[in-house]
């Protein structure tokens, strides 16, 4: 039995890690109300394939997979299965990662952001992608409205709320602790995320 590995992600930062086929990992929100953005990349025969939120919505015919369902890649291959959801949900697969432009529109320059944190984690692993894929946003409340608008509300995830995922193939996974601190998304302030592998 492999030993568990704990990865602590500080507020407004990100971390990457390799995970083998058949391994599980848990994404934990220790203090509550903190969104965690996640990406997953499979490297097969030198070709990169990445988790696609649009393919996942298409294949599952859901806005977000239910426990027992999978997240799929750009090439429609299962990459991860959602084993447990120990949170109130909902989660989000509609919004991109926060990026410099989001903060610039709010008058905040040089603000930490999930896009840059994700790219930095990929660079450390010497991985390049032709695009920046949209992430899976765990613990994010994004509610489509009757008039077609998308409203992001404060996360209602309690302290310790978590999800467990199973790797269907070897993956490099990146998780960021969302950097949004000017909007209720993360309860008005940013905290850390914890990953337990194994």
C-alpha atoms as a PDB file:
ATOM      1  CA  UNK A   1       0.000   0.000   0.000  1.00  0.00           C
ATOM      2  CA  UNK A   2       1.499   3.332  -1.037  1.00  0.00           C
ATOM      3  CA  UNK A   3       2.126   6.021   1.550  1.00  0.00           C
ATOM      4  CA  UNK A   4      -0.087   9.079   1.588  1.00  0.00           C
ATOM      5  CA  UNK A   5       1.414  12.375   0.467  1.00  0.00           C
ATOM      6  CA  UNK A   6       0.012  15.705   1.669  1.00  0.00           C
ATOM      7  CA  UNK A   7       0.381  18.857  -0.418  1.00  0.00           C
ATOM      8  CA  UNK A   8      -0.527  22.174   1.191  1.00  0.00           C
ATOM      9  CA  UNK A   9      -1.401  24.937  -1.268  1.00  0.00           C
ATOM     10  CA  UNK A  10      -1.145  28.431   0.261  1.00  0.00           C
ATOM     11  CA  UNK A  11      -3.790  31.065  -0.495  1.00  0.00           C
ATOM     12  CA  UNK A  12      -3.613  32.423  -4.069  1.00  0.00           C
ATOM     13  CA  UNK A  13      -1.011  29.829  -5.127  1.00  0.00           C
ATOM     14  CA  UNK A  14      -0.955  26.551  -7.056  1.00  0.00           C
ATOM     15  CA  UNK A  15       0.838  23.208  -7.035  1.00  0.00           C
ATOM     16  CA  UNK A  16       1.292  20.360  -9.502  1.00  0.00           C
ATOM     17  CA  UNK A  17       1.810  16.646  -8.864  1.00  0.00           C
ATOM     18  CA  UNK A  18       2.040  13.371 -10.748  1.00  0.00           C
ATOM     19  CA  UNK A  19      -0.452  10.633 -10.014  1.00  0.00           C
ATOM     20  CA  UNK A  20      -0.415   7.040 -11.248  1.00  0.00           C
ATOM     21  CA  UNK A  21      -3.287   5.137 -12.815  1.00  0.00           C
ATOM     22  CA  UNK A  22      -5.466   3.708 -10.062  1.00  0.00           C
ATOM     23  CA  UNK A  23      -4.360   6.212  -7.416  1.00  0.00           C
ATOM     24  CA  UNK A  24      -6.803   8.493  -5.670  1.00  0.00           C
ATOM     25  CA  UNK A  25      -6.422  11.997  -4.334  1.00  0.00           C
ATOM     26  CA  UNK A  26      -8.566  14.184  -2.129  1.00  0.00           C
ATOM     27  CA  UNK A  27      -9.043  17.940  -2.635  1.00  0.00           C
ATOM     28  CA  UNK A  28      -9.832  19.499   0.753  1.00  0.00           C
ATOM     29  CA  UNK A  29     -11.027  22.979   1.667  1.00  0.00           C
ATOM     30  CA  UNK A  30      -9.703  23.184   5.257  1.00  0.00           C
ATOM     31  CA  UNK A  31     -11.247  26.516   6.273  1.00  0.00           C
ATOM     32  CA  UNK A  32     -14.355  26.485   4.071  1.00  0.00           C
ATOM     33  CA  UNK A  33     -15.689  28.709   1.245  1.00  0.00           C
ATOM     34  CA  UNK A  34     -12.481  28.380  -0.816  1.00  0.00           C
ATOM     35  CA  UNK A  35     -12.678  27.473  -4.508  1.00  0.00           C
ATOM     36  CA  UNK A  36     -10.065  25.074  -5.916  1.00  0.00           C
ATOM     37  CA  UNK A  37      -9.324  25.149  -9.660  1.00  0.00           C
ATOM     38  CA  UNK A  38      -8.091  21.853 -11.134  1.00  0.00           C
ATOM     39  CA  UNK A  39      -6.479  20.794 -14.416  1.00  0.00           C
ATOM     40  CA  UNK A  40      -5.279  17.331 -15.474  1.00  0.00           C
ATOM     41  CA  UNK A  41      -2.888  16.438 -18.293  1.00  0.00           C
ATOM     42  CA  UNK A  42      -2.198  12.972 -19.708  1.00  0.00           C
ATOM     43  CA  UNK A  43       1.022  12.378 -21.617  1.00  0.00           C
ATOM     44  CA  UNK A  44       0.795   9.407 -23.964  1.00  0.00           C
ATOM     45  CA  UNK A  45       3.563   8.619 -26.441  1.00  0.00           C
ATOM     46  CA  UNK A  46       4.788  12.190 -26.154  1.00  0.00           C
ATOM     47  CA  UNK A  47       1.384  13.666 -26.974  1.00  0.00           C
ATOM     48  CA  UNK A  48      -0.429  15.758 -24.388  1.00  0.00           C
ATOM     49  CA  UNK A  49      -4.146  15.367 -23.784  1.00  0.00           C
ATOM     50  CA  UNK A  50      -5.904  17.475 -21.182  1.00  0.00           C
ATOM     51  CA  UNK A  51      -9.111  17.528 -19.188  1.00  0.00           C
ATOM     52  CA  UNK A  52     -11.831  19.232 -21.199  1.00  0.00           C
ATOM     53  CA  UNK A  53     -14.817  20.676 -19.367  1.00  0.00           C
ATOM     54  CA  UNK A  54     -16.800  20.926 -22.624  1.00  0.00           C
ATOM     55  CA  UNK A  55     -16.166  17.275 -23.562  1.00  0.00           C
ATOM     56  CA  UNK A  56     -17.106  16.293 -20.008  1.00  0.00           C
ATOM     57  CA  UNK A  57     -20.395  18.197 -20.204  1.00  0.00           C
ATOM     58  CA  UNK A  58     -21.130  16.663 -23.611  1.00  0.00           C
ATOM     59  CA  UNK A  59     -20.373  13.067 -22.642  1.00  0.00           C
ATOM     60  CA  UNK A  60     -22.019  13.113 -19.204  1.00  0.00           C
ATOM     61  CA  UNK A  61     -24.875  15.355 -20.398  1.00  0.00           C
ATOM     62  CA  UNK A  62     -24.549  17.215 -17.116  1.00  0.00           C
ATOM     63  CA  UNK A  63     -23.212  20.583 -15.958  1.00  0.00           C
ATOM     64  CA  UNK A  64     -20.967  18.625 -13.570  1.00  0.00           C
ATOM     65  CA  UNK A  65     -20.304  14.901 -13.127  1.00  0.00           C
ATOM     66  CA  UNK A  66     -22.089  13.028 -10.354  1.00  0.00           C
ATOM     67  CA  UNK A  67     -20.142  10.637  -8.104  1.00  0.00           C
ATOM     68  CA  UNK A  68     -19.237   7.587 -10.164  1.00  0.00           C
ATOM     69  CA  UNK A  69     -18.979   9.602 -13.390  1.00  0.00           C
ATOM     70  CA  UNK A  70     -15.789  10.721 -15.107  1.00  0.00           C
ATOM     71  CA  UNK A  71     -14.071  13.850 -16.341  1.00  0.00           C
ATOM     72  CA  UNK A  72     -13.044  13.461 -19.995  1.00  0.00           C
ATOM     73  CA  UNK A  73     -10.144  14.707 -22.067  1.00  0.00           C
ATOM     74  CA  UNK A  74     -10.007  16.826 -25.202  1.00  0.00           C
ATOM     75  CA  UNK A  75      -9.839  13.498 -27.086  1.00  0.00           C
ATOM     76  CA  UNK A  76     -12.890  12.159 -25.196  1.00  0.00           C
ATOM     77  CA  UNK A  77     -10.931   9.755 -22.981  1.00  0.00           C
ATOM     78  CA  UNK A  78     -11.778   9.298 -19.288  1.00  0.00           C
ATOM     79  CA  UNK A  79      -9.038  10.873 -17.159  1.00  0.00           C
ATOM     80  CA  UNK A  80     -10.514  11.089 -13.664  1.00  0.00           C
ATOM     81  CA  UNK A  81     -13.542   9.637 -11.910  1.00  0.00           C
ATOM     82  CA  UNK A  82     -15.340  11.514  -9.146  1.00  0.00           C
ATOM     83  CA  UNK A  83     -15.423   8.885  -6.386  1.00  0.00           C
ATOM     84  CA  UNK A  84     -16.848  10.938  -3.509  1.00  0.00           C
ATOM     85  CA  UNK A  85     -18.315  14.400  -3.114  1.00  0.00           C
ATOM     86  CA  UNK A  86     -18.200  15.349   0.559  1.00  0.00           C
ATOM     87  CA  UNK A  87     -19.388  18.898   0.022  1.00  0.00           C
ATOM     88  CA  UNK A  88     -22.757  20.612  -0.466  1.00  0.00           C
ATOM     89  CA  UNK A  89     -21.909  21.156  -4.125  1.00  0.00           C
ATOM     90  CA  UNK A  90     -22.522  22.602  -6.642  1.00  0.00           C
ATOM     91  CA  UNK A  91     -19.201  22.806  -8.408  1.00  0.00           C
ATOM     92  CA  UNK A  92     -18.488  24.665 -11.645  1.00  0.00           C
ATOM     93  CA  UNK A  93     -17.348  23.836 -15.179  1.00  0.00           C
ATOM     94  CA  UNK A  94     -18.558  27.009 -16.904  1.00  0.00           C
ATOM     95  CA  UNK A  95     -16.016  29.642 -15.889  1.00  0.00           C
ATOM     96  CA  UNK A  96     -12.364  30.001 -16.925  1.00  0.00           C
ATOM     97  CA  UNK A  97      -9.574  30.438 -14.421  1.00  0.00           C
ATOM     98  CA  UNK A  98      -9.166  33.922 -13.014  1.00  0.00           C
ATOM     99  CA  UNK A  99      -6.539  35.765 -15.039  1.00  0.00           C
ATOM    100  CA  UNK A 100      -4.724  39.129 -15.154  1.00  0.00           C
ATOM    101  CA  UNK A 101      -7.467  40.692 -17.294  1.00  0.00           C
ATOM    102  CA  UNK A 102     -10.138  39.941 -14.687  1.00  0.00           C
ATOM    103  CA  UNK A 103      -8.221  41.821 -12.025  1.00  0.00           C
ATOM    104  CA  UNK A 104      -7.248  44.664 -14.349  1.00  0.00           C
ATOM    105  CA  UNK A 105     -10.948  45.248 -15.073  1.00  0.00           C
ATOM    106  CA  UNK A 106     -11.428  45.524 -11.308  1.00  0.00           C
ATOM    107  CA  UNK A 107      -8.549  48.020 -11.060  1.00  0.00           C
ATOM    108  CA  UNK A 108      -6.152  45.490  -9.517  1.00  0.00           C
ATOM    109  CA  UNK A 109      -2.771  45.267 -11.249  1.00  0.00           C
ATOM    110  CA  UNK A 110      -0.210  42.482 -10.755  1.00  0.00           C
ATOM    111  CA  UNK A 111      -2.717  40.437  -8.766  1.00  0.00           C
ATOM    112  CA  UNK A 112      -2.092  36.710  -8.168  1.00  0.00           C
ATOM    113  CA  UNK A 113      -4.276  34.614 -10.461  1.00  0.00           C
ATOM    114  CA  UNK A 114      -5.036  30.979 -11.179  1.00  0.00           C
ATOM    115  CA  UNK A 115      -4.080  31.142 -14.855  1.00  0.00           C
ATOM    116  CA  UNK A 116      -0.524  32.262 -14.121  1.00  0.00           C
ATOM    117  CA  UNK A 117      -0.252  29.851 -11.183  1.00  0.00           C
ATOM    118  CA  UNK A 118      -1.306  26.970 -13.434  1.00  0.00           C
ATOM    119  CA  UNK A 119       1.176  27.920 -16.158  1.00  0.00           C
ATOM    120  CA  UNK A 120       3.977  28.166 -13.580  1.00  0.00           C
ATOM    121  CA  UNK A 121       3.170  24.649 -12.346  1.00  0.00           C
ATOM    122  CA  UNK A 122       3.239  23.299 -15.908  1.00  0.00           C
ATOM    123  CA  UNK A 123       6.563  25.005 -16.552  1.00  0.00           C
ATOM    124  CA  UNK A 124       8.090  23.304 -13.501  1.00  0.00           C
ATOM    125  CA  UNK A 125       7.061  19.945 -14.978  1.00  0.00           C
ATOM    126  CA  UNK A 126       8.335  20.936 -18.452  1.00  0.00           C
ATOM    127  CA  UNK A 127       4.832  20.561 -19.905  1.00  0.00           C
ATOM    128  CA  UNK A 128       3.462  22.829 -22.624  1.00  0.00           C
ATOM    129  CA  UNK A 129      -0.075  22.951 -23.985  1.00  0.00           C
ATOM    130  CA  UNK A 130      -1.351  24.701 -27.120  1.00  0.00           C
ATOM    131  CA  UNK A 131      -4.106  26.376 -25.078  1.00  0.00           C
ATOM    132  CA  UNK A 132      -4.937  27.178 -21.463  1.00  0.00           C
ATOM    133  CA  UNK A 133      -7.847  24.803 -20.796  1.00  0.00           C
ATOM    134  CA  UNK A 134     -10.775  25.844 -18.642  1.00  0.00           C
ATOM    135  CA  UNK A 135     -10.486  24.336 -15.158  1.00  0.00           C
ATOM    136  CA  UNK A 136     -12.792  22.315 -12.979  1.00  0.00           C
ATOM    137  CA  UNK A 137     -13.777  24.741 -10.214  1.00  0.00           C
ATOM    138  CA  UNK A 138     -14.484  22.705  -7.104  1.00  0.00           C
ATOM    139  CA  UNK A 139     -16.682  24.313  -4.427  1.00  0.00           C
ATOM    140  CA  UNK A 140     -17.649  27.240  -6.711  1.00  0.00           C
ATOM    141  CA  UNK A 141     -21.311  28.298  -6.756  1.00  0.00           C
ATOM    142  CA  UNK A 142     -22.118  29.388 -10.307  1.00  0.00           C
ATOM    143  CA  UNK A 143     -25.855  29.503 -10.791  1.00  0.00           C
ATOM    144  CA  UNK A 144     -27.436  29.978 -14.231  1.00  0.00           C
ATOM    145  CA  UNK A 145     -30.390  32.363 -13.956  1.00  0.00           C
ATOM    146  CA  UNK A 146     -33.736  32.226 -15.777  1.00  0.00           C
ATOM    147  CA  UNK A 147     -32.773  35.301 -17.816  1.00  0.00           C
ATOM    148  CA  UNK A 148     -29.609  33.600 -19.072  1.00  0.00           C
ATOM    149  CA  UNK A 149     -27.178  35.332 -16.740  1.00  0.00           C
ATOM    150  CA  UNK A 150     -24.529  33.439 -14.785  1.00  0.00           C
ATOM    151  CA  UNK A 151     -24.265  34.457 -11.150  1.00  0.00           C
ATOM    152  CA  UNK A 152     -21.321  33.522  -8.937  1.00  0.00           C
ATOM    153  CA  UNK A 153     -22.257  33.429  -5.259  1.00  0.00           C
ATOM    154  CA  UNK A 154     -20.162  32.914  -2.151  1.00  0.00           C
ATOM    155  CA  UNK A 155     -19.138  29.285  -1.784  1.00  0.00           C
ATOM    156  CA  UNK A 156     -21.114  27.477   0.903  1.00  0.00           C
ATOM    157  CA  UNK A 157     -18.535  24.712   1.305  1.00  0.00           C
ATOM    158  CA  UNK A 158     -17.967  24.046   5.025  1.00  0.00           C
ATOM    159  CA  UNK A 159     -14.537  23.651   6.649  1.00  0.00           C
ATOM    160  CA  UNK A 160     -13.181  20.258   5.616  1.00  0.00           C
ATOM    161  CA  UNK A 161     -15.498  19.877   2.614  1.00  0.00           C
ATOM    162  CA  UNK A 162     -13.748  17.716   0.027  1.00  0.00           C
ATOM    163  CA  UNK A 163     -13.905  15.604  -3.107  1.00  0.00           C
ATOM    164  CA  UNK A 164     -12.108  12.346  -3.918  1.00  0.00           C
ATOM    165  CA  UNK A 165     -10.934  11.521  -7.445  1.00  0.00           C
ATOM    166  CA  UNK A 166      -9.526   8.378  -9.059  1.00  0.00           C
ATOM    167  CA  UNK A 167      -6.944   8.582 -11.845  1.00  0.00           C
ATOM    168  CA  UNK A 168      -7.925   6.504 -14.886  1.00  0.00           C
ATOM    169  CA  UNK A 169      -4.450   6.975 -16.391  1.00  0.00           C
ATOM    170  CA  UNK A 170      -1.150   8.541 -15.351  1.00  0.00           C
ATOM    171  CA  UNK A 171      -1.683  12.276 -14.981  1.00  0.00           C
ATOM    172  CA  UNK A 172      -0.037  15.522 -14.064  1.00  0.00           C
ATOM    173  CA  UNK A 173      -2.595  17.396 -11.977  1.00  0.00           C
ATOM    174  CA  UNK A 174      -2.506  21.097 -11.119  1.00  0.00           C
ATOM    175  CA  UNK A 175      -4.644  22.569  -8.347  1.00  0.00           C
ATOM    176  CA  UNK A 176      -4.799  26.247  -7.438  1.00  0.00           C
ATOM    177  CA  UNK A 177      -6.381  27.990  -4.465  1.00  0.00           C
ATOM    178  CA  UNK A 178      -8.531  30.575  -6.248  1.00  0.00           C
ATOM    179  CA  UNK A 179      -7.160  34.109  -5.953  1.00  0.00           C
ATOM    180  CA  UNK A 180     -10.437  36.092  -6.131  1.00  0.00           C
ATOM    181  CA  UNK A 181     -10.581  38.347  -3.071  1.00  0.00           C
ATOM    182  CA  UNK A 182     -12.606  41.323  -4.381  1.00  0.00           C
ATOM    183  CA  UNK A 183     -15.828  39.328  -4.888  1.00  0.00           C
ATOM    184  CA  UNK A 184     -17.825  36.964  -2.625  1.00  0.00           C
ATOM    185  CA  UNK A 185     -16.624  33.888  -4.600  1.00  0.00           C
ATOM    186  CA  UNK A 186     -14.332  32.702  -1.786  1.00  0.00           C
ATOM    187  CA  UNK A 187     -16.351  34.189   1.044  1.00  0.00           C
ATOM    188  CA  UNK A 188     -14.619  37.548   0.676  1.00  0.00           C
ATOM    189  CA  UNK A 189     -11.101  36.328   1.438  1.00  0.00           C
ATOM    190  CA  UNK A 190      -8.745  33.627   0.181  1.00  0.00           C
ATOM    191  CA  UNK A 191      -7.528  30.625   2.151  1.00  0.00           C
ATOM    192  CA  UNK A 192      -5.519  27.513   1.296  1.00  0.00           C
ATOM    193  CA  UNK A 193      -6.325  24.124  -0.203  1.00  0.00           C
ATOM    194  CA  UNK A 194      -4.935  20.749   0.837  1.00  0.00           C
ATOM    195  CA  UNK A 195      -4.335  17.714  -1.375  1.00  0.00           C
ATOM    196  CA  UNK A 196      -3.910  14.193  -0.017  1.00  0.00           C
ATOM    197  CA  UNK A 197      -2.600  11.693  -2.582  1.00  0.00           C
ATOM    198  CA  UNK A 198      -3.083   7.980  -1.922  1.00  0.00           C
END
